[in-house]
Amino acid sequence: MTKEEILDLLQYLILELRDNKQLPLDARLMQDWVAKQTHLTSSISSLNPEDNVWLDTNYRLWFEKEIKPHIGHIGH
């Protein structure tokens, strides 16, 4: 997978956790999610250091914009 494909899949999986209320209730959906997550983890571990920095930077920017506003101040 390219670094862009990895970022796309990472974003997709996180949004699935956030938005798909059926995911934890449907074993088939959850198995598919876990398989994708396993593939993602393997792909991330195979990135070279420069691509890993790119992924981290772009993921953090996306997370700050798309996810952080939805989680508010958990624990505060």
N, C-alpha and C. Protein backbone atom coordinates (compact mmCIF):
# COMPACT_ATOMS: atom_id res chain seq x y z
N MET A 1 0.84 -1.19 0.00
CA MET A 1 0.00 0.00 0.00
C MET A 1 0.88 1.25 0.00
N THR A 2 0.40 2.27 -0.67
CA THR A 2 1.10 3.54 -0.63
C THR A 2 0.76 4.26 0.68
N LYS A 3 1.54 5.26 1.01
CA LYS A 3 1.26 6.03 2.23
C LYS A 3 -0.11 6.70 2.15
N GLU A 4 -0.51 7.12 0.96
CA GLU A 4 -1.82 7.74 0.78
C GLU A 4 -2.95 6.72 1.00
N GLU A 5 -2.76 5.52 0.49
CA GLU A 5 -3.75 4.46 0.70
C GLU A 5 -3.85 4.08 2.18
N ILE A 6 -2.70 4.06 2.84
CA ILE A 6 -2.69 3.76 4.27
C ILE A 6 -3.47 4.83 5.03
N LEU A 7 -3.22 6.08 4.72
CA LEU A 7 -3.94 7.17 5.39
C LEU A 7 -5.44 7.06 5.12
N ASP A 8 -5.82 6.79 3.89
CA ASP A 8 -7.25 6.63 3.56
C ASP A 8 -7.89 5.51 4.37
N LEU A 9 -7.21 4.37 4.46
CA LEU A 9 -7.76 3.24 5.20
C LEU A 9 -7.82 3.55 6.69
N LEU A 10 -6.81 4.19 7.22
CA LEU A 10 -6.80 4.57 8.63
C LEU A 10 -7.97 5.49 8.94
N GLN A 11 -8.18 6.47 8.11
CA GLN A 11 -9.31 7.39 8.30
C GLN A 11 -10.64 6.65 8.21
N TYR A 12 -10.76 5.79 7.23
CA TYR A 12 -11.99 5.02 7.05
C TYR A 12 -12.30 4.18 8.29
N LEU A 13 -11.29 3.48 8.80
CA LEU A 13 -11.51 2.61 9.96
C LEU A 13 -11.90 3.41 11.20
N ILE A 14 -11.30 4.54 11.39
CA ILE A 14 -11.65 5.37 12.55
C ILE A 14 -13.06 5.92 12.41
N LEU A 15 -13.42 6.36 11.22
CA LEU A 15 -14.78 6.85 11.01
C LEU A 15 -15.81 5.73 11.19
N GLU A 16 -15.46 4.52 10.79
CA GLU A 16 -16.34 3.38 11.01
C GLU A 16 -16.59 3.18 12.50
N LEU A 17 -15.53 3.26 13.29
CA LEU A 17 -15.70 3.12 14.75
C LEU A 17 -16.58 4.22 15.31
N ARG A 18 -16.40 5.41 14.80
CA ARG A 18 -17.17 6.55 15.30
C ARG A 18 -18.62 6.53 14.84
N ASP A 19 -18.87 6.16 13.60
CA ASP A 19 -20.17 6.38 12.99
C ASP A 19 -21.05 5.14 12.83
N ASN A 20 -20.46 3.98 12.74
CA ASN A 20 -21.25 2.78 12.48
C ASN A 20 -21.65 2.13 13.80
N LYS A 21 -22.84 2.44 14.24
CA LYS A 21 -23.34 1.91 15.52
C LYS A 21 -23.57 0.41 15.48
N GLN A 22 -23.71 -0.15 14.28
CA GLN A 22 -23.92 -1.60 14.13
C GLN A 22 -22.62 -2.40 14.23
N LEU A 23 -21.50 -1.73 14.06
CA LEU A 23 -20.22 -2.43 14.02
C LEU A 23 -20.00 -3.34 15.23
N PRO A 24 -20.14 -2.85 16.46
CA PRO A 24 -19.88 -3.74 17.59
C PRO A 24 -20.95 -4.81 17.79
N LEU A 25 -22.09 -4.65 17.13
CA LEU A 25 -23.20 -5.58 17.30
C LEU A 25 -23.23 -6.68 16.24
N ASP A 26 -22.48 -6.51 15.18
CA ASP A 26 -22.51 -7.43 14.04
C ASP A 26 -21.14 -8.11 13.92
N ALA A 27 -21.10 -9.39 14.24
CA ALA A 27 -19.83 -10.13 14.24
C ALA A 27 -19.17 -10.13 12.86
N ARG A 28 -19.96 -10.23 11.81
CA ARG A 28 -19.41 -10.23 10.45
C ARG A 28 -18.74 -8.90 10.12
N LEU A 29 -19.41 -7.80 10.46
CA LEU A 29 -18.83 -6.48 10.24
C LEU A 29 -17.56 -6.30 11.06
N MET A 30 -17.61 -6.76 12.30
CA MET A 30 -16.45 -6.61 13.17
C MET A 30 -15.26 -7.43 12.67
N GLN A 31 -15.51 -8.63 12.16
CA GLN A 31 -14.43 -9.45 11.59
C GLN A 31 -13.80 -8.76 10.40
N ASP A 32 -14.62 -8.16 9.56
CA ASP A 32 -14.11 -7.43 8.40
C ASP A 32 -13.27 -6.24 8.86
N TRP A 33 -13.75 -5.51 9.87
CA TRP A 33 -13.02 -4.36 10.39
C TRP A 33 -11.67 -4.80 10.95
N VAL A 34 -11.65 -5.88 11.70
CA VAL A 34 -10.40 -6.39 12.30
C VAL A 34 -9.42 -6.82 11.20
N ALA A 35 -9.92 -7.47 10.16
CA ALA A 35 -9.05 -7.88 9.05
C ALA A 35 -8.42 -6.67 8.38
N LYS A 36 -9.20 -5.63 8.17
CA LYS A 36 -8.66 -4.40 7.57
C LYS A 36 -7.65 -3.74 8.50
N GLN A 37 -7.94 -3.74 9.79
CA GLN A 37 -7.03 -3.14 10.76
C GLN A 37 -5.71 -3.91 10.81
N THR A 38 -5.78 -5.23 10.72
CA THR A 38 -4.57 -6.05 10.72
C THR A 38 -3.73 -5.75 9.48
N HIS A 39 -4.37 -5.65 8.34
CA HIS A 39 -3.67 -5.29 7.10
C HIS A 39 -3.05 -3.90 7.23
N LEU A 40 -3.79 -2.97 7.80
CA LEU A 40 -3.30 -1.61 7.99
C LEU A 40 -2.05 -1.61 8.88
N THR A 41 -2.10 -2.31 9.98
CA THR A 41 -0.96 -2.37 10.90
C THR A 41 0.28 -2.90 10.20
N SER A 42 0.10 -3.94 9.42
CA SER A 42 1.22 -4.52 8.67
C SER A 42 1.77 -3.51 7.66
N SER A 43 0.89 -2.80 6.99
CA SER A 43 1.31 -1.82 5.99
C SER A 43 2.06 -0.65 6.64
N ILE A 44 1.59 -0.21 7.78
CA ILE A 44 2.26 0.89 8.48
C ILE A 44 3.66 0.46 8.90
N SER A 45 3.79 -0.76 9.38
CA SER A 45 5.10 -1.22 9.84
C SER A 45 6.10 -1.36 8.71
N SER A 46 5.61 -1.44 7.48
CA SER A 46 6.53 -1.58 6.35
C SER A 46 6.93 -0.24 5.73
N LEU A 47 6.41 0.86 6.23
CA LEU A 47 6.76 2.16 5.68
C LEU A 47 8.20 2.53 6.02
N ASN A 48 8.81 3.26 5.10
CA ASN A 48 10.14 3.80 5.41
C ASN A 48 9.98 4.99 6.35
N PRO A 49 11.05 5.43 6.99
CA PRO A 49 10.93 6.50 7.98
C PRO A 49 10.31 7.80 7.45
N GLU A 50 10.64 8.18 6.23
CA GLU A 50 10.10 9.42 5.68
C GLU A 50 8.59 9.32 5.46
N ASP A 51 8.15 8.19 4.95
CA ASP A 51 6.71 7.99 4.74
C ASP A 51 5.97 7.87 6.07
N ASN A 52 6.64 7.32 7.06
CA ASN A 52 6.03 7.22 8.38
C ASN A 52 5.82 8.62 8.97
N VAL A 53 6.77 9.51 8.80
CA VAL A 53 6.62 10.89 9.27
C VAL A 53 5.50 11.57 8.51
N TRP A 54 5.44 11.37 7.20
CA TRP A 54 4.36 11.94 6.39
C TRP A 54 3.00 11.46 6.89
N LEU A 55 2.89 10.15 7.12
CA LEU A 55 1.64 9.58 7.60
C LEU A 55 1.26 10.18 8.95
N ASP A 56 2.20 10.24 9.85
CA ASP A 56 1.93 10.79 11.18
C ASP A 56 1.46 12.24 11.10
N THR A 57 2.15 13.04 10.32
CA THR A 57 1.80 14.45 10.17
C THR A 57 0.39 14.61 9.58
N ASN A 58 0.12 13.91 8.51
CA ASN A 58 -1.18 14.05 7.85
C ASN A 58 -2.32 13.46 8.67
N TYR A 59 -2.04 12.38 9.37
CA TYR A 59 -3.05 11.81 10.25
C TYR A 59 -3.38 12.79 11.37
N ARG A 60 -2.39 13.38 11.99
CA ARG A 60 -2.63 14.33 13.08
C ARG A 60 -3.45 15.53 12.62
N LEU A 61 -3.14 16.05 11.44
CA LEU A 61 -3.91 17.17 10.90
C LEU A 61 -5.37 16.77 10.70
N TRP A 62 -5.59 15.61 10.12
CA TRP A 62 -6.94 15.11 9.90
C TRP A 62 -7.65 14.88 11.22
N PHE A 63 -6.98 14.26 12.17
CA PHE A 63 -7.57 13.97 13.47
C PHE A 63 -8.00 15.25 14.17
N GLU A 64 -7.14 16.26 14.16
CA GLU A 64 -7.46 17.53 14.80
C GLU A 64 -8.70 18.16 14.18
N LYS A 65 -8.86 18.02 12.88
CA LYS A 65 -9.99 18.65 12.18
C LYS A 65 -11.27 17.81 12.25
N GLU A 66 -11.16 16.49 12.07
CA GLU A 66 -12.33 15.64 11.89
C GLU A 66 -12.78 14.88 13.13
N ILE A 67 -11.88 14.58 14.03
CA ILE A 67 -12.23 13.72 15.16
C ILE A 67 -12.24 14.48 16.48
N LYS A 68 -11.21 15.23 16.73
CA LYS A 68 -11.10 15.91 18.02
C LYS A 68 -12.31 16.77 18.37
N PRO A 69 -12.90 17.51 17.45
CA PRO A 69 -14.08 18.29 17.79
C PRO A 69 -15.27 17.44 18.27
N HIS A 70 -15.31 16.18 17.85
CA HIS A 70 -16.42 15.30 18.22
C HIS A 70 -16.23 14.64 19.58
N ILE A 71 -14.99 14.61 20.07
CA ILE A 71 -14.76 13.95 21.34
C ILE A 71 -14.75 14.91 22.50
N GLY A 72 -14.69 16.21 22.20
CA GLY A 72 -14.79 17.21 23.25
C GLY A 72 -13.72 17.07 24.29
N HIS A 73 -14.10 17.31 25.51
CA HIS A 73 -13.15 17.29 26.62
C HIS A 73 -13.45 16.10 27.52
N ILE A 74 -13.15 14.93 27.03
CA ILE A 74 -13.39 13.71 27.80
C ILE A 74 -12.56 13.76 29.07
N GLY A 75 -13.22 13.55 30.19
CA GLY A 75 -12.53 13.53 31.46
C GLY A 75 -12.31 14.89 32.10
N HIS A 76 -12.82 15.93 31.46
CA HIS A 76 -12.65 17.29 32.04
C HIS A 76 -13.98 17.85 32.44
